Amino acid sequence: MSGNIHDTNVELLREEVDKMILHVKEGEQNITFLQKEFNVLYNTSKTLFNFIYKNASKDSFNENFFKNTIDKMFNQIIMIQQAKISQFDASAKIGETLAQEYIMKKLN
């Protein structure tokens, strides 16, 4: 996210993530257009932007799982901004969630 997590506009990012997924799923592949159209997302998290760009149009892209996961991350950012949780604890919580989803399901 941004260099200062307290400056991150979570609601705008959620909106841009949803809209970018839709654009990419509908076949938009002009990266320059997408960078301009979703400039807050691009400038805040190039990694997230690139993940959506590369994956949202694939048949294997699980949109519901992705949106649920990213929503959990965005909610943790909000909690950090509201001083309800530390950045360390938020990272640990997300790590636990991802471990449950990816590692434990594979082991069972």
C-alpha atoms as a PDB file:
ATOM      1  CA  MET A   1       0.000   0.000   0.000  1.00  0.00           C
ATOM      2  CA  SER A   2       1.109   3.598   0.264  1.00  0.00           C
ATOM      3  CA  GLY A   3       4.299   4.575   2.075  1.00  0.00           C
ATOM      4  CA  ASN A   4       2.151   5.735   4.978  1.00  0.00           C
ATOM      5  CA  ILE A   5      -0.692   3.341   5.680  1.00  0.00           C
ATOM      6  CA  HIS A   6      -2.606   6.141   7.399  1.00  0.00           C
ATOM      7  CA  ASP A   7      -2.860   7.988   4.062  1.00  0.00           C
ATOM      8  CA  THR A   8      -4.361   5.017   2.217  1.00  0.00           C
ATOM      9  CA  ASN A   9      -7.856   5.740   0.882  1.00  0.00           C
ATOM     10  CA  VAL A  10      -9.322   2.273   1.364  1.00  0.00           C
ATOM     11  CA  GLU A  11     -12.767   3.007  -0.063  1.00  0.00           C
ATOM     12  CA  LEU A  12     -11.310   4.436  -3.261  1.00  0.00           C
ATOM     13  CA  LEU A  13      -9.019   1.423  -3.584  1.00  0.00           C
ATOM     14  CA  ARG A  14     -11.962  -0.976  -3.140  1.00  0.00           C
ATOM     15  CA  GLU A  15     -13.824   0.875  -5.881  1.00  0.00           C
ATOM     16  CA  GLU A  16     -10.871   0.837  -8.252  1.00  0.00           C
ATOM     17  CA  VAL A  17     -10.174  -2.863  -7.602  1.00  0.00           C
ATOM     18  CA  ASP A  18     -13.786  -3.777  -8.431  1.00  0.00           C
ATOM     19  CA  LYS A  19     -13.867  -1.631 -11.559  1.00  0.00           C
ATOM     20  CA  MET A  20     -10.493  -2.814 -12.795  1.00  0.00           C
ATOM     21  CA  ILE A  21     -11.513  -6.459 -12.404  1.00  0.00           C
ATOM     22  CA  LEU A  22     -14.583  -5.741 -14.498  1.00  0.00           C
ATOM     23  CA  HIS A  23     -12.569  -3.955 -17.212  1.00  0.00           C
ATOM     24  CA  VAL A  24      -9.987  -6.737 -17.426  1.00  0.00           C
ATOM     25  CA  LYS A  25     -12.625  -9.485 -17.453  1.00  0.00           C
ATOM     26  CA  GLU A  26     -14.335  -7.663 -20.316  1.00  0.00           C
ATOM     27  CA  GLY A  27     -11.079  -7.830 -22.291  1.00  0.00           C
ATOM     28  CA  GLU A  28      -9.382  -4.482 -21.654  1.00  0.00           C
ATOM     29  CA  GLN A  29      -5.641  -5.152 -21.966  1.00  0.00           C
ATOM     30  CA  ASN A  30      -4.300  -1.660 -22.733  1.00  0.00           C
ATOM     31  CA  ILE A  31      -2.077  -1.262 -19.699  1.00  0.00           C
ATOM     32  CA  THR A  32      -1.531   2.471 -20.281  1.00  0.00           C
ATOM     33  CA  PHE A  33      -5.295   3.042 -20.256  1.00  0.00           C
ATOM     34  CA  LEU A  34      -5.693   0.931 -17.108  1.00  0.00           C
ATOM     35  CA  GLN A  35      -2.846   2.743 -15.331  1.00  0.00           C
ATOM     36  CA  LYS A  36      -4.518   6.086 -16.039  1.00  0.00           C
ATOM     37  CA  GLU A  37      -8.064   4.890 -15.305  1.00  0.00           C
ATOM     38  CA  PHE A  38      -7.054   3.265 -12.013  1.00  0.00           C
ATOM     39  CA  ASN A  39      -4.189   5.561 -11.097  1.00  0.00           C
ATOM     40  CA  VAL A  40      -4.838   5.483  -7.343  1.00  0.00           C
ATOM     41  CA  LEU A  41      -4.608   1.687  -7.333  1.00  0.00           C
ATOM     42  CA  TYR A  42      -1.569   1.759  -9.633  1.00  0.00           C
ATOM     43  CA  ASN A  43       0.261   4.380  -7.559  1.00  0.00           C
ATOM     44  CA  THR A  44      -0.692   2.850  -4.213  1.00  0.00           C
ATOM     45  CA  SER A  45       0.043  -0.796  -4.989  1.00  0.00           C
ATOM     46  CA  LYS A  46       1.629  -1.731  -8.278  1.00  0.00           C
ATOM     47  CA  THR A  47       1.727  -5.346  -7.071  1.00  0.00           C
ATOM     48  CA  LEU A  48      -2.043  -5.494  -6.603  1.00  0.00           C
ATOM     49  CA  PHE A  49      -2.610  -3.650  -9.886  1.00  0.00           C
ATOM     50  CA  ASN A  50      -0.350  -6.083 -11.765  1.00  0.00           C
ATOM     51  CA  PHE A  51      -1.964  -9.113 -10.124  1.00  0.00           C
ATOM     52  CA  ILE A  52      -5.399  -8.008 -11.302  1.00  0.00           C
ATOM     53  CA  TYR A  53      -4.060  -7.147 -14.754  1.00  0.00           C
ATOM     54  CA  LYS A  54      -2.434 -10.557 -15.180  1.00  0.00           C
ATOM     55  CA  ASN A  55      -5.098 -12.741 -13.554  1.00  0.00           C
ATOM     56  CA  ALA A  56      -8.622 -11.297 -13.662  1.00  0.00           C
ATOM     57  CA  SER A  57      -9.298 -12.484 -17.216  1.00  0.00           C
ATOM     58  CA  LYS A  58      -8.149 -16.071 -16.579  1.00  0.00           C
ATOM     59  CA  ASP A  59     -10.727 -18.830 -16.219  1.00  0.00           C
ATOM     60  CA  SER A  60      -8.947 -19.922 -13.043  1.00  0.00           C
ATOM     61  CA  PHE A  61      -9.423 -16.504 -11.384  1.00  0.00           C
ATOM     62  CA  ASN A  62     -11.678 -16.994  -8.369  1.00  0.00           C
ATOM     63  CA  GLU A  63     -13.200 -13.529  -8.116  1.00  0.00           C
ATOM     64  CA  ASN A  64     -15.189 -14.212  -4.951  1.00  0.00           C
ATOM     65  CA  PHE A  65     -12.187 -15.618  -3.111  1.00  0.00           C
ATOM     66  CA  PHE A  66      -9.992 -12.755  -4.309  1.00  0.00           C
ATOM     67  CA  LYS A  67     -12.495 -10.080  -3.289  1.00  0.00           C
ATOM     68  CA  ASN A  68     -13.081 -11.686   0.119  1.00  0.00           C
ATOM     69  CA  THR A  69      -9.337 -11.879   0.749  1.00  0.00           C
ATOM     70  CA  ILE A  70      -8.595  -8.333  -0.389  1.00  0.00           C
ATOM     71  CA  ASP A  71     -11.561  -7.080   1.623  1.00  0.00           C
ATOM     72  CA  LYS A  72     -10.081  -8.657   4.759  1.00  0.00           C
ATOM     73  CA  MET A  73      -6.815  -6.860   4.012  1.00  0.00           C
ATOM     74  CA  PHE A  74      -8.563  -3.543   3.438  1.00  0.00           C
ATOM     75  CA  ASN A  75     -10.488  -3.976   6.708  1.00  0.00           C
ATOM     76  CA  GLN A  76      -7.206  -4.497   8.542  1.00  0.00           C
ATOM     77  CA  ILE A  77      -5.871  -1.252   7.040  1.00  0.00           C
ATOM     78  CA  ILE A  78      -8.942   0.577   8.327  1.00  0.00           C
ATOM     79  CA  MET A  79      -8.403  -0.928  11.787  1.00  0.00           C
ATOM     80  CA  ILE A  80      -4.765   0.230  11.721  1.00  0.00           C
ATOM     81  CA  GLN A  81      -5.882   3.723  10.696  1.00  0.00           C
ATOM     82  CA  GLN A  82      -8.345   3.765  13.600  1.00  0.00           C
ATOM     83  CA  ALA A  83      -5.605   2.572  16.002  1.00  0.00           C
ATOM     84  CA  LYS A  84      -7.636  -0.561  16.819  1.00  0.00           C
ATOM     85  CA  ILE A  85      -4.807  -2.916  15.832  1.00  0.00           C
ATOM     86  CA  SER A  86      -1.080  -2.633  15.193  1.00  0.00           C
ATOM     87  CA  GLN A  87       0.369  -3.132  11.750  1.00  0.00           C
ATOM     88  CA  PHE A  88       2.236  -6.153  13.101  1.00  0.00           C
ATOM     89  CA  ASP A  89      -0.935  -7.767  14.471  1.00  0.00           C
ATOM     90  CA  ALA A  90      -2.850  -7.016  11.277  1.00  0.00           C
ATOM     91  CA  SER A  91      -0.109  -8.676   9.223  1.00  0.00           C
ATOM     92  CA  ALA A  92      -0.173 -11.711  11.516  1.00  0.00           C
ATOM     93  CA  LYS A  93      -3.949 -11.979  11.212  1.00  0.00           C
ATOM     94  CA  ILE A  94      -3.817 -11.845   7.407  1.00  0.00           C
ATOM     95  CA  GLY A  95      -0.981 -14.381   7.432  1.00  0.00           C
ATOM     96  CA  GLU A  96      -3.074 -16.757   9.523  1.00  0.00           C
ATOM     97  CA  THR A  97      -6.030 -16.353   7.184  1.00  0.00           C
ATOM     98  CA  LEU A  98      -3.931 -17.052   4.099  1.00  0.00           C
ATOM     99  CA  ALA A  99      -2.252 -20.035   5.765  1.00  0.00           C
ATOM    100  CA  GLN A 100      -5.665 -21.496   6.543  1.00  0.00           C
ATOM    101  CA  GLU A 101      -6.835 -20.982   2.979  1.00  0.00           C
ATOM    102  CA  TYR A 102      -3.743 -22.193   1.144  1.00  0.00           C
ATOM    103  CA  ILE A 103      -1.773 -24.507   3.386  1.00  0.00           C
ATOM    104  CA  MET A 104      -4.335 -26.217   5.590  1.00  0.00           C
ATOM    105  CA  LYS A 105      -6.714 -26.934   2.696  1.00  0.00           C
ATOM    106  CA  LYS A 106      -3.855 -28.547   0.764  1.00  0.00           C
ATOM    107  CA  LEU A 107      -2.876 -30.714   3.733  1.00  0.00           C
ATOM    108  CA  ASN A 108      -6.402 -31.985   4.356  1.00  0.00           C
END
